Amino acid sequence: MIKRQSKPNHSCDDPVFLRTKREAFYILVAWTVGMIWTVGYCFVTGYNVPSEKIKATMGIPNWVFFGVLVPWIIITIFSIWFSLFYIADDDSGKTDE
């Protein structure tokens, strides 16, 4: 007879579990906002627009500059801040030595 291994007990009051859930939520929100902005802005300002109406910023079309470059820079700065100052290093439990 095959024994099933029990699943780890992640109770809702475990502070490490709650913190990792909160961190994952913030990462998912940041990713979603970045994707919605990038896809939405690029679609509205860069799709089916006559080429004579497209303006450039620093030699880059506006829809690329404000739709891709600027959000990626903002998300990269947020990711660096988040990983260095927000994510906590918690004890993961007992270790067998």
C-alpha atoms as a PDB file:
ATOM      1  CA  MET A   1       0.000   0.000   0.000  1.00  0.00           C
ATOM      2  CA  ILE A   2       1.314   3.427  -0.932  1.00  0.00           C
ATOM      3  CA  LYS A   3       1.350   6.042   1.794  1.00  0.00           C
ATOM      4  CA  ARG A   4       0.594   9.606   0.896  1.00  0.00           C
ATOM      5  CA  GLN A   5       2.872  12.225   2.249  1.00  0.00           C
ATOM      6  CA  SER A   6       1.068  14.854   4.201  1.00  0.00           C
ATOM      7  CA  LYS A   7       1.065  18.389   2.877  1.00  0.00           C
ATOM      8  CA  PRO A   8       2.965  20.990   4.860  1.00  0.00           C
ATOM      9  CA  ASN A   9       0.798  22.829   7.338  1.00  0.00           C
ATOM     10  CA  HIS A  10       0.594  26.477   6.306  1.00  0.00           C
ATOM     11  CA  SER A  11      -1.727  27.929   8.864  1.00  0.00           C
ATOM     12  CA  CYS A  12      -3.038  31.419   8.343  1.00  0.00           C
ATOM     13  CA  ASP A  13      -1.378  32.668  11.513  1.00  0.00           C
ATOM     14  CA  ASP A  14       2.186  31.778  10.488  1.00  0.00           C
ATOM     15  CA  PRO A  15       3.939  35.168  10.091  1.00  0.00           C
ATOM     16  CA  VAL A  16       6.413  33.878   7.484  1.00  0.00           C
ATOM     17  CA  PHE A  17       3.605  32.490   5.336  1.00  0.00           C
ATOM     18  CA  LEU A  18       1.583  35.699   5.640  1.00  0.00           C
ATOM     19  CA  ARG A  19       4.568  37.870   4.733  1.00  0.00           C
ATOM     20  CA  THR A  20       5.424  35.801   1.653  1.00  0.00           C
ATOM     21  CA  LYS A  21       1.790  35.942   0.552  1.00  0.00           C
ATOM     22  CA  ARG A  22       1.801  39.726   0.921  1.00  0.00           C
ATOM     23  CA  GLU A  23       5.103  40.027  -0.977  1.00  0.00           C
ATOM     24  CA  ALA A  24       3.782  37.842  -3.795  1.00  0.00           C
ATOM     25  CA  PHE A  25       0.631  39.970  -3.966  1.00  0.00           C
ATOM     26  CA  TYR A  26       2.653  43.192  -4.333  1.00  0.00           C
ATOM     27  CA  ILE A  27       4.797  41.644  -7.061  1.00  0.00           C
ATOM     28  CA  LEU A  28       1.704  40.465  -8.939  1.00  0.00           C
ATOM     29  CA  VAL A  29       0.096  43.912  -8.667  1.00  0.00           C
ATOM     30  CA  ALA A  30       3.256  45.634  -9.931  1.00  0.00           C
ATOM     31  CA  TRP A  31       3.513  43.224 -12.856  1.00  0.00           C
ATOM     32  CA  THR A  32      -0.168  43.641 -13.733  1.00  0.00           C
ATOM     33  CA  VAL A  33      -0.042  47.446 -13.621  1.00  0.00           C
ATOM     34  CA  GLY A  34       3.107  47.461 -15.757  1.00  0.00           C
ATOM     35  CA  MET A  35       1.612  45.123 -18.329  1.00  0.00           C
ATOM     36  CA  ILE A  36      -1.714  46.949 -18.529  1.00  0.00           C
ATOM     37  CA  TRP A  37       0.068  50.281 -19.003  1.00  0.00           C
ATOM     38  CA  THR A  38       2.508  48.938 -21.604  1.00  0.00           C
ATOM     39  CA  VAL A  39      -0.040  47.063 -23.700  1.00  0.00           C
ATOM     40  CA  GLY A  40      -2.756  49.691 -23.326  1.00  0.00           C
ATOM     41  CA  TYR A  41      -0.581  52.737 -24.048  1.00  0.00           C
ATOM     42  CA  CYS A  42       1.208  51.103 -26.967  1.00  0.00           C
ATOM     43  CA  PHE A  43      -2.080  49.939 -28.471  1.00  0.00           C
ATOM     44  CA  VAL A  44      -3.801  53.317 -28.173  1.00  0.00           C
ATOM     45  CA  THR A  45      -0.894  55.489 -29.319  1.00  0.00           C
ATOM     46  CA  GLY A  46       1.017  53.224 -31.689  1.00  0.00           C
ATOM     47  CA  TYR A  47      -1.489  51.011 -33.481  1.00  0.00           C
ATOM     48  CA  ASN A  48      -3.267  52.230 -36.621  1.00  0.00           C
ATOM     49  CA  VAL A  49      -1.754  55.703 -36.305  1.00  0.00           C
ATOM     50  CA  PRO A  50      -0.529  57.395 -39.465  1.00  0.00           C
ATOM     51  CA  SER A  51       3.239  57.734 -39.497  1.00  0.00           C
ATOM     52  CA  GLU A  52       3.094  61.509 -39.897  1.00  0.00           C
ATOM     53  CA  LYS A  53       1.249  61.817 -36.554  1.00  0.00           C
ATOM     54  CA  ILE A  54       3.870  59.853 -34.589  1.00  0.00           C
ATOM     55  CA  LYS A  55       6.222  62.141 -32.691  1.00  0.00           C
ATOM     56  CA  ALA A  56       9.652  61.240 -31.350  1.00  0.00           C
ATOM     57  CA  THR A  57      11.305  61.725 -27.972  1.00  0.00           C
ATOM     58  CA  MET A  58      15.107  61.483 -28.055  1.00  0.00           C
ATOM     59  CA  GLY A  59      14.843  59.792 -31.444  1.00  0.00           C
ATOM     60  CA  ILE A  60      12.443  57.110 -30.167  1.00  0.00           C
ATOM     61  CA  PRO A  61       8.764  57.081 -31.147  1.00  0.00           C
ATOM     62  CA  ASN A  62       6.603  58.418 -28.291  1.00  0.00           C
ATOM     63  CA  TRP A  63       4.569  55.229 -28.035  1.00  0.00           C
ATOM     64  CA  VAL A  64       7.772  53.215 -27.482  1.00  0.00           C
ATOM     65  CA  PHE A  65       9.360  55.773 -25.140  1.00  0.00           C
ATOM     66  CA  PHE A  66       6.315  56.258 -22.863  1.00  0.00           C
ATOM     67  CA  GLY A  67       4.783  52.825 -23.431  1.00  0.00           C
ATOM     68  CA  VAL A  68       7.833  50.591 -23.009  1.00  0.00           C
ATOM     69  CA  LEU A  69      10.989  52.405 -21.891  1.00  0.00           C
ATOM     70  CA  VAL A  70       9.603  54.599 -19.085  1.00  0.00           C
ATOM     71  CA  PRO A  71       7.427  51.879 -17.459  1.00  0.00           C
ATOM     72  CA  TRP A  72      10.297  49.370 -17.575  1.00  0.00           C
ATOM     73  CA  ILE A  73      12.612  51.851 -15.883  1.00  0.00           C
ATOM     74  CA  ILE A  74       9.983  52.543 -13.193  1.00  0.00           C
ATOM     75  CA  ILE A  75       9.300  48.832 -12.627  1.00  0.00           C
ATOM     76  CA  THR A  76      13.043  48.102 -12.485  1.00  0.00           C
ATOM     77  CA  ILE A  77      13.544  50.780  -9.825  1.00  0.00           C
ATOM     78  CA  PHE A  78      10.557  49.401  -7.887  1.00  0.00           C
ATOM     79  CA  SER A  79      11.914  45.846  -8.162  1.00  0.00           C
ATOM     80  CA  ILE A  80      15.330  46.868  -6.854  1.00  0.00           C
ATOM     81  CA  TRP A  81      13.783  48.806  -3.943  1.00  0.00           C
ATOM     82  CA  PHE A  82      11.367  45.964  -3.198  1.00  0.00           C
ATOM     83  CA  SER A  83      14.036  43.269  -3.166  1.00  0.00           C
ATOM     84  CA  LEU A  84      16.576  45.262  -1.150  1.00  0.00           C
ATOM     85  CA  PHE A  85      14.384  47.011   1.414  1.00  0.00           C
ATOM     86  CA  TYR A  86      11.004  45.282   1.649  1.00  0.00           C
ATOM     87  CA  ILE A  87      11.502  41.529   1.309  1.00  0.00           C
ATOM     88  CA  ALA A  88      12.457  40.092   4.679  1.00  0.00           C
ATOM     89  CA  ASP A  89      14.896  37.272   5.299  1.00  0.00           C
ATOM     90  CA  ASP A  90      13.107  34.902   7.659  1.00  0.00           C
ATOM     91  CA  ASP A  91      14.198  31.710   9.340  1.00  0.00           C
ATOM     92  CA  SER A  92      12.786  28.879   7.248  1.00  0.00           C
ATOM     93  CA  GLY A  93      12.644  26.403  10.096  1.00  0.00           C
ATOM     94  CA  LYS A  94      14.724  23.713  11.675  1.00  0.00           C
ATOM     95  CA  THR A  95      17.791  22.380   9.898  1.00  0.00           C
ATOM     96  CA  ASP A  96      19.356  18.974  10.315  1.00  0.00           C
ATOM     97  CA  GLU A  97      23.094  19.210  10.650  1.00  0.00           C
END
